[in-house]
Amino acid sequence: MLFPKKVKFRKWQTFRRNPKRVGVATRGTEVSFGSFGIKTTDAARIKSNQIEAARKAMSRALGKTGKIWIRIFPDMPYTKKPAEVKLGKGKGDVQGYVAQVLPGRVIFEVDGVPEATAKEALRKAGTKLPVRTKVVVRE
């Protein structure tokens, strides 16, 4: 799973946003490395284990051919308090890391395989993610 080697701050603030007034991505919106990509249509936080599950599904569908690029990195820690613990007594322990994505962000890219194989692999990867996605082609 992906996570940072070292962090400046162990716990971050939450950065809550109103989902109705969230903007769109301004960077990482084009397919840059491969021929096909998967793009989000929602804003969300994607956990590192969800990224890994999507990557595994995609690499199984592609086989030994084809190259995969992961365009997001989970660098934001999220915390959780243990079950059945009363409120107070500080913030919970770090559980893992998430990547915040905005609508229009390209998450994965693929190259070196036929179009039908690439689109099917990206579709399978999209089912593992907590956002709605669409397959895009490089122009």
N, C-alpha and C. Protein backbone atom coordinates (compact mmCIF):
# COMPACT_ATOMS: atom_id res chain seq x y z
N MET A 1 0.84 -1.19 0.00
CA MET A 1 0.00 0.00 0.00
C MET A 1 0.88 1.25 0.00
N LEU A 2 0.33 2.30 -0.53
CA LEU A 2 1.06 3.56 -0.61
C LEU A 2 0.92 4.35 0.68
N PHE A 3 2.01 4.91 1.16
CA PHE A 3 1.97 5.87 2.27
C PHE A 3 3.31 6.61 2.27
N PRO A 4 3.33 7.81 2.83
CA PRO A 4 4.56 8.59 2.80
C PRO A 4 5.66 7.99 3.68
N LYS A 5 6.93 8.17 3.25
CA LYS A 5 8.05 7.68 4.04
C LYS A 5 8.16 8.43 5.35
N LYS A 6 7.96 9.73 5.29
CA LYS A 6 8.03 10.53 6.51
C LYS A 6 7.13 11.75 6.34
N VAL A 7 6.57 12.22 7.44
CA VAL A 7 5.64 13.35 7.38
C VAL A 7 6.10 14.44 8.34
N LYS A 8 5.79 15.68 7.99
CA LYS A 8 6.16 16.79 8.85
C LYS A 8 5.24 16.84 10.07
N PHE A 9 3.95 16.61 9.85
CA PHE A 9 2.98 16.60 10.94
C PHE A 9 2.27 15.26 10.95
N ARG A 10 2.21 14.63 12.14
CA ARG A 10 1.64 13.29 12.26
C ARG A 10 0.14 13.29 12.01
N LYS A 11 -0.58 14.31 12.53
CA LYS A 11 -2.03 14.39 12.36
C LYS A 11 -2.37 15.71 11.69
N TRP A 12 -3.29 15.66 10.74
CA TRP A 12 -3.73 16.86 10.03
C TRP A 12 -5.11 17.27 10.52
N GLN A 13 -5.49 18.51 10.17
CA GLN A 13 -6.87 18.92 10.38
C GLN A 13 -7.73 18.33 9.28
N THR A 14 -9.04 18.37 9.48
CA THR A 14 -9.93 17.58 8.63
C THR A 14 -10.23 18.21 7.28
N PHE A 15 -10.23 19.54 7.15
CA PHE A 15 -10.55 20.22 5.88
C PHE A 15 -11.93 19.83 5.36
N ARG A 16 -12.95 20.01 6.20
CA ARG A 16 -14.30 19.67 5.74
C ARG A 16 -14.73 20.65 4.66
N ARG A 17 -15.47 20.14 3.68
CA ARG A 17 -15.97 20.96 2.59
C ARG A 17 -17.44 20.68 2.39
N ASN A 18 -18.15 21.69 1.91
CA ASN A 18 -19.54 21.49 1.52
C ASN A 18 -19.53 20.78 0.17
N PRO A 19 -20.07 19.56 0.06
CA PRO A 19 -19.99 18.84 -1.21
C PRO A 19 -20.74 19.52 -2.35
N LYS A 20 -21.70 20.40 -2.03
CA LYS A 20 -22.43 21.08 -3.10
C LYS A 20 -21.60 22.22 -3.71
N ARG A 21 -20.62 22.72 -2.95
CA ARG A 21 -19.85 23.85 -3.44
C ARG A 21 -18.38 23.50 -3.68
N VAL A 22 -18.10 22.24 -3.94
CA VAL A 22 -16.72 21.83 -4.19
C VAL A 22 -16.36 22.18 -5.63
N GLY A 23 -15.11 22.57 -5.87
CA GLY A 23 -14.68 22.98 -7.21
C GLY A 23 -14.29 21.78 -8.05
N VAL A 24 -13.63 22.07 -9.15
CA VAL A 24 -13.13 21.02 -10.03
C VAL A 24 -11.61 21.07 -10.03
N ALA A 25 -11.00 19.97 -10.42
CA ALA A 25 -9.55 19.88 -10.43
C ALA A 25 -8.98 20.79 -11.52
N THR A 26 -7.87 21.44 -11.21
CA THR A 26 -7.20 22.28 -12.20
C THR A 26 -5.91 21.64 -12.69
N ARG A 27 -5.37 20.70 -11.92
CA ARG A 27 -4.16 20.01 -12.34
C ARG A 27 -4.44 18.52 -12.37
N GLY A 28 -3.71 17.80 -13.24
CA GLY A 28 -3.90 16.36 -13.37
C GLY A 28 -5.20 16.00 -14.06
N THR A 29 -5.65 16.84 -15.00
CA THR A 29 -6.93 16.59 -15.66
C THR A 29 -6.78 15.97 -17.05
N GLU A 30 -5.56 15.90 -17.56
CA GLU A 30 -5.32 15.35 -18.90
C GLU A 30 -4.57 14.03 -18.79
N VAL A 31 -4.76 13.16 -19.79
CA VAL A 31 -4.00 11.92 -19.87
C VAL A 31 -2.61 12.29 -20.40
N SER A 32 -1.58 12.14 -19.56
CA SER A 32 -0.25 12.62 -19.90
C SER A 32 0.74 11.52 -20.27
N PHE A 33 0.65 10.37 -19.62
CA PHE A 33 1.67 9.35 -19.79
C PHE A 33 1.22 8.21 -20.70
N GLY A 34 0.03 7.69 -20.48
CA GLY A 34 -0.47 6.56 -21.25
C GLY A 34 -1.39 6.99 -22.39
N SER A 35 -2.10 6.01 -22.94
CA SER A 35 -3.06 6.28 -24.01
C SER A 35 -4.50 6.36 -23.48
N PHE A 36 -4.76 5.66 -22.38
CA PHE A 36 -6.10 5.64 -21.79
C PHE A 36 -5.99 5.96 -20.31
N GLY A 37 -7.03 6.56 -19.76
CA GLY A 37 -7.02 6.90 -18.34
C GLY A 37 -8.39 6.77 -17.74
N ILE A 38 -8.44 6.86 -16.40
CA ILE A 38 -9.71 6.85 -15.68
C ILE A 38 -9.79 8.14 -14.89
N LYS A 39 -10.90 8.85 -15.06
CA LYS A 39 -11.09 10.18 -14.49
C LYS A 39 -12.27 10.19 -13.54
N THR A 40 -12.15 10.93 -12.43
CA THR A 40 -13.25 10.99 -11.47
C THR A 40 -14.28 12.01 -11.92
N THR A 41 -15.53 11.77 -11.52
CA THR A 41 -16.59 12.75 -11.74
C THR A 41 -17.14 13.26 -10.42
N ASP A 42 -16.58 12.77 -9.30
CA ASP A 42 -16.99 13.20 -7.95
C ASP A 42 -15.76 13.64 -7.17
N ALA A 43 -16.03 14.35 -6.09
CA ALA A 43 -14.97 14.67 -5.13
C ALA A 43 -15.02 13.65 -4.01
N ALA A 44 -13.87 13.18 -3.56
CA ALA A 44 -13.84 12.19 -2.48
C ALA A 44 -12.44 12.08 -1.92
N ARG A 45 -12.35 11.28 -0.85
CA ARG A 45 -11.06 10.88 -0.30
C ARG A 45 -10.89 9.41 -0.61
N ILE A 46 -9.81 9.06 -1.28
CA ILE A 46 -9.56 7.68 -1.66
C ILE A 46 -8.47 7.12 -0.76
N LYS A 47 -8.77 6.05 -0.04
CA LYS A 47 -7.81 5.44 0.88
C LYS A 47 -6.74 4.69 0.10
N SER A 48 -5.62 4.48 0.75
CA SER A 48 -4.50 3.81 0.08
C SER A 48 -4.84 2.36 -0.26
N ASN A 49 -5.64 1.70 0.58
CA ASN A 49 -5.99 0.31 0.27
C ASN A 49 -6.97 0.25 -0.91
N GLN A 50 -7.78 1.29 -1.12
CA GLN A 50 -8.66 1.31 -2.29
C GLN A 50 -7.86 1.53 -3.57
N ILE A 51 -6.84 2.36 -3.50
CA ILE A 51 -5.95 2.56 -4.65
C ILE A 51 -5.26 1.25 -5.00
N GLU A 52 -4.80 0.54 -3.98
CA GLU A 52 -4.11 -0.74 -4.20
C GLU A 52 -5.06 -1.78 -4.77
N ALA A 53 -6.29 -1.84 -4.30
CA ALA A 53 -7.27 -2.80 -4.82
C ALA A 53 -7.56 -2.52 -6.30
N ALA A 54 -7.69 -1.24 -6.65
CA ALA A 54 -7.93 -0.88 -8.05
C ALA A 54 -6.73 -1.22 -8.92
N ARG A 55 -5.53 -0.99 -8.39
CA ARG A 55 -4.31 -1.30 -9.15
C ARG A 55 -4.20 -2.81 -9.40
N LYS A 56 -4.51 -3.62 -8.39
CA LYS A 56 -4.45 -5.08 -8.55
C LYS A 56 -5.46 -5.57 -9.58
N ALA A 57 -6.68 -5.04 -9.51
CA ALA A 57 -7.73 -5.45 -10.46
C ALA A 57 -7.31 -5.09 -11.88
N MET A 58 -6.71 -3.91 -12.03
CA MET A 58 -6.28 -3.46 -13.34
C MET A 58 -5.14 -4.30 -13.87
N SER A 59 -4.14 -4.60 -13.03
CA SER A 59 -2.98 -5.36 -13.50
C SER A 59 -3.36 -6.80 -13.83
N ARG A 60 -4.34 -7.36 -13.12
CA ARG A 60 -4.82 -8.71 -13.48
C ARG A 60 -5.51 -8.70 -14.84
N ALA A 61 -6.29 -7.65 -15.10
CA ALA A 61 -7.02 -7.59 -16.37
C ALA A 61 -6.08 -7.31 -17.55
N LEU A 62 -4.99 -6.59 -17.29
CA LEU A 62 -4.06 -6.26 -18.38
C LEU A 62 -3.12 -7.42 -18.71
N GLY A 63 -2.80 -8.23 -17.73
CA GLY A 63 -1.84 -9.30 -17.96
C GLY A 63 -0.43 -8.76 -17.86
N LYS A 64 0.51 -9.45 -18.51
CA LYS A 64 1.92 -9.05 -18.40
C LYS A 64 2.25 -7.88 -19.30
N THR A 65 1.45 -7.66 -20.32
CA THR A 65 1.70 -6.51 -21.19
C THR A 65 1.07 -5.27 -20.57
N GLY A 66 1.46 -4.15 -21.06
CA GLY A 66 0.83 -2.90 -20.60
C GLY A 66 1.57 -2.29 -19.43
N LYS A 67 1.52 -0.97 -19.37
CA LYS A 67 2.16 -0.20 -18.31
C LYS A 67 1.08 0.60 -17.60
N ILE A 68 1.18 0.69 -16.26
CA ILE A 68 0.20 1.40 -15.44
C ILE A 68 0.89 2.58 -14.76
N TRP A 69 0.23 3.72 -14.75
CA TRP A 69 0.68 4.88 -13.99
C TRP A 69 -0.39 5.23 -12.97
N ILE A 70 0.03 5.44 -11.71
CA ILE A 70 -0.87 5.90 -10.66
C ILE A 70 -0.62 7.39 -10.50
N ARG A 71 -1.64 8.22 -10.74
CA ARG A 71 -1.46 9.66 -10.78
C ARG A 71 -1.80 10.37 -9.47
N ILE A 72 -2.23 9.62 -8.44
CA ILE A 72 -2.53 10.23 -7.15
C ILE A 72 -1.70 9.54 -6.09
N PHE A 73 -1.46 10.25 -4.99
CA PHE A 73 -0.69 9.67 -3.89
C PHE A 73 -1.37 10.00 -2.57
N PRO A 74 -1.60 9.01 -1.70
CA PRO A 74 -2.26 9.26 -0.42
C PRO A 74 -1.27 9.84 0.60
N ASP A 75 -1.32 11.14 0.83
CA ASP A 75 -0.39 11.77 1.75
C ASP A 75 -1.08 12.38 2.96
N MET A 76 -2.40 12.36 3.01
CA MET A 76 -3.14 12.96 4.13
C MET A 76 -3.51 11.89 5.15
N PRO A 77 -3.04 11.99 6.39
CA PRO A 77 -3.40 10.98 7.38
C PRO A 77 -4.83 11.14 7.87
N TYR A 78 -5.50 10.04 8.18
CA TYR A 78 -6.81 10.11 8.82
C TYR A 78 -6.76 9.32 10.11
N THR A 79 -7.52 9.80 11.10
CA THR A 79 -7.46 9.21 12.43
C THR A 79 -8.79 8.56 12.78
N LYS A 80 -8.76 7.68 13.78
CA LYS A 80 -9.97 7.02 14.24
C LYS A 80 -9.77 6.63 15.70
N LYS A 81 -10.81 6.83 16.49
CA LYS A 81 -10.75 6.40 17.89
C LYS A 81 -11.20 4.94 17.96
N PRO A 82 -10.72 4.19 18.94
CA PRO A 82 -11.14 2.79 19.04
C PRO A 82 -12.64 2.66 19.31
N ALA A 83 -13.16 1.47 19.09
CA ALA A 83 -14.58 1.21 19.33
C ALA A 83 -14.88 1.28 20.83
N GLU A 84 -16.08 1.78 21.15
CA GLU A 84 -16.60 1.85 22.52
C GLU A 84 -15.73 2.68 23.46
N VAL A 85 -15.16 3.76 22.92
CA VAL A 85 -14.37 4.69 23.74
C VAL A 85 -15.19 5.97 23.88
N LYS A 86 -15.25 6.52 25.08
CA LYS A 86 -16.02 7.73 25.32
C LYS A 86 -15.38 8.93 24.63
N LEU A 87 -16.20 9.98 24.45
CA LEU A 87 -15.70 11.19 23.80
C LEU A 87 -14.69 11.89 24.70
N GLY A 88 -13.91 12.77 24.08
CA GLY A 88 -12.88 13.49 24.82
C GLY A 88 -11.57 12.73 24.79
N LYS A 89 -10.63 13.15 25.60
CA LYS A 89 -9.31 12.52 25.72
C LYS A 89 -8.49 12.60 24.43
N GLY A 90 -8.72 13.64 23.63
CA GLY A 90 -7.87 13.89 22.46
C GLY A 90 -8.31 13.18 21.19
N LYS A 91 -7.52 13.44 20.16
CA LYS A 91 -7.78 12.90 18.83
C LYS A 91 -7.32 11.44 18.76
N GLY A 92 -7.93 10.66 17.88
CA GLY A 92 -7.58 9.25 17.76
C GLY A 92 -6.24 9.03 17.09
N ASP A 93 -5.85 7.78 16.99
CA ASP A 93 -4.59 7.40 16.37
C ASP A 93 -4.74 7.40 14.85
N VAL A 94 -3.62 7.57 14.16
CA VAL A 94 -3.60 7.56 12.70
C VAL A 94 -3.91 6.14 12.22
N GLN A 95 -4.92 6.02 11.37
CA GLN A 95 -5.33 4.72 10.83
C GLN A 95 -4.68 4.43 9.48
N GLY A 96 -4.51 5.46 8.67
CA GLY A 96 -3.96 5.28 7.34
C GLY A 96 -3.88 6.62 6.64
N TYR A 97 -3.75 6.56 5.32
CA TYR A 97 -3.57 7.77 4.53
C TYR A 97 -4.56 7.79 3.37
N VAL A 98 -5.00 8.99 3.02
CA VAL A 98 -5.95 9.17 1.93
C VAL A 98 -5.42 10.19 0.93
N ALA A 99 -5.93 10.11 -0.29
CA ALA A 99 -5.66 11.10 -1.32
C ALA A 99 -6.97 11.83 -1.58
N GLN A 100 -6.94 13.15 -1.50
CA GLN A 100 -8.14 13.93 -1.80
C GLN A 100 -8.18 14.18 -3.30
N VAL A 101 -9.30 13.84 -3.94
CA VAL A 101 -9.46 14.07 -5.38
C VAL A 101 -10.69 14.94 -5.62
N LEU A 102 -10.58 15.77 -6.63
CA LEU A 102 -11.68 16.63 -7.07
C LEU A 102 -12.20 16.12 -8.41
N PRO A 103 -13.41 16.53 -8.81
CA PRO A 103 -13.92 16.08 -10.11
C PRO A 103 -13.00 16.48 -11.25
N GLY A 104 -12.76 15.55 -12.17
CA GLY A 104 -11.91 15.82 -13.32
C GLY A 104 -10.49 15.34 -13.17
N ARG A 105 -10.13 14.79 -12.04
CA ARG A 105 -8.76 14.34 -11.80
C ARG A 105 -8.55 12.96 -12.42
N VAL A 106 -7.45 12.78 -13.16
CA VAL A 106 -7.09 11.48 -13.72
C VAL A 106 -6.38 10.68 -12.63
N ILE A 107 -6.87 9.46 -12.36
CA ILE A 107 -6.34 8.65 -11.28
C ILE A 107 -5.32 7.62 -11.79
N PHE A 108 -5.69 6.88 -12.81
CA PHE A 108 -4.82 5.87 -13.39
C PHE A 108 -4.68 6.10 -14.88
N GLU A 109 -3.54 5.66 -15.44
CA GLU A 109 -3.33 5.66 -16.88
C GLU A 109 -2.74 4.33 -17.31
N VAL A 110 -3.04 3.94 -18.55
CA VAL A 110 -2.62 2.65 -19.09
C VAL A 110 -2.11 2.85 -20.51
N ASP A 111 -1.11 2.06 -20.87
CA ASP A 111 -0.59 2.09 -22.24
C ASP A 111 -0.04 0.72 -22.61
N GLY A 112 0.07 0.46 -23.91
CA GLY A 112 0.70 -0.77 -24.38
C GLY A 112 -0.24 -1.94 -24.56
N VAL A 113 -1.55 -1.70 -24.53
CA VAL A 113 -2.53 -2.77 -24.74
C VAL A 113 -3.60 -2.28 -25.72
N PRO A 114 -4.36 -3.20 -26.32
CA PRO A 114 -5.45 -2.78 -27.21
C PRO A 114 -6.53 -1.99 -26.46
N GLU A 115 -7.30 -1.22 -27.22
CA GLU A 115 -8.29 -0.32 -26.61
C GLU A 115 -9.33 -1.07 -25.79
N ALA A 116 -9.84 -2.18 -26.30
CA ALA A 116 -10.87 -2.93 -25.58
C ALA A 116 -10.34 -3.46 -24.25
N THR A 117 -9.12 -3.97 -24.25
CA THR A 117 -8.52 -4.49 -23.01
C THR A 117 -8.31 -3.38 -22.01
N ALA A 118 -7.81 -2.24 -22.48
CA ALA A 118 -7.54 -1.10 -21.58
C ALA A 118 -8.84 -0.59 -20.97
N LYS A 119 -9.87 -0.44 -21.77
CA LYS A 119 -11.14 0.09 -21.25
C LYS A 119 -11.77 -0.87 -20.24
N GLU A 120 -11.66 -2.17 -20.49
CA GLU A 120 -12.21 -3.15 -19.54
C GLU A 120 -11.42 -3.14 -18.24
N ALA A 121 -10.10 -3.04 -18.33
CA ALA A 121 -9.26 -3.00 -17.13
C ALA A 121 -9.56 -1.74 -16.31
N LEU A 122 -9.71 -0.61 -16.96
CA LEU A 122 -10.02 0.63 -16.25
C LEU A 122 -11.42 0.61 -15.64
N ARG A 123 -12.36 -0.03 -16.33
CA ARG A 123 -13.71 -0.16 -15.79
C ARG A 123 -13.69 -1.00 -14.51
N LYS A 124 -12.92 -2.09 -14.52
CA LYS A 124 -12.81 -2.93 -13.33
C LYS A 124 -12.16 -2.17 -12.18
N ALA A 125 -11.16 -1.36 -12.49
CA ALA A 125 -10.50 -0.56 -11.45
C ALA A 125 -11.46 0.47 -10.87
N GLY A 126 -12.31 1.04 -11.71
CA GLY A 126 -13.27 2.05 -11.26
C GLY A 126 -14.29 1.51 -10.29
N THR A 127 -14.59 0.22 -10.38
CA THR A 127 -15.57 -0.37 -9.46
C THR A 127 -15.00 -0.50 -8.05
N LYS A 128 -13.70 -0.48 -7.90
CA LYS A 128 -13.07 -0.60 -6.59
C LYS A 128 -12.95 0.74 -5.86
N LEU A 129 -13.26 1.83 -6.54
CA LEU A 129 -13.06 3.16 -5.98
C LEU A 129 -14.37 3.74 -5.45
N PRO A 130 -14.32 4.64 -4.45
CA PRO A 130 -15.54 5.20 -3.86
C PRO A 130 -16.09 6.40 -4.63
N VAL A 131 -15.66 6.59 -5.88
CA VAL A 131 -16.13 7.71 -6.70
C VAL A 131 -16.66 7.18 -8.02
N ARG A 132 -17.51 8.00 -8.64
CA ARG A 132 -17.94 7.67 -10.00
C ARG A 132 -16.80 8.04 -10.95
N THR A 133 -16.56 7.19 -11.94
CA THR A 133 -15.43 7.42 -12.84
C THR A 133 -15.88 7.26 -14.28
N LYS A 134 -15.03 7.77 -15.19
CA LYS A 134 -15.25 7.52 -16.62
C LYS A 134 -13.90 7.30 -17.28
N VAL A 135 -13.90 6.49 -18.31
CA VAL A 135 -12.67 6.16 -19.05
C VAL A 135 -12.46 7.26 -20.09
N VAL A 136 -11.25 7.78 -20.16
CA VAL A 136 -10.92 8.84 -21.12
C VAL A 136 -9.77 8.35 -21.99
N VAL A 137 -9.71 8.90 -23.23
CA VAL A 137 -8.70 8.53 -24.21
C VAL A 137 -7.85 9.75 -24.50
N ARG A 138 -6.56 9.55 -24.68
CA ARG A 138 -5.65 10.65 -25.02
C ARG A 138 -5.97 11.18 -26.41
N GLU A 139 -5.95 12.50 -26.54
CA GLU A 139 -6.26 13.09 -27.85
C GLU A 139 -5.03 13.49 -28.60
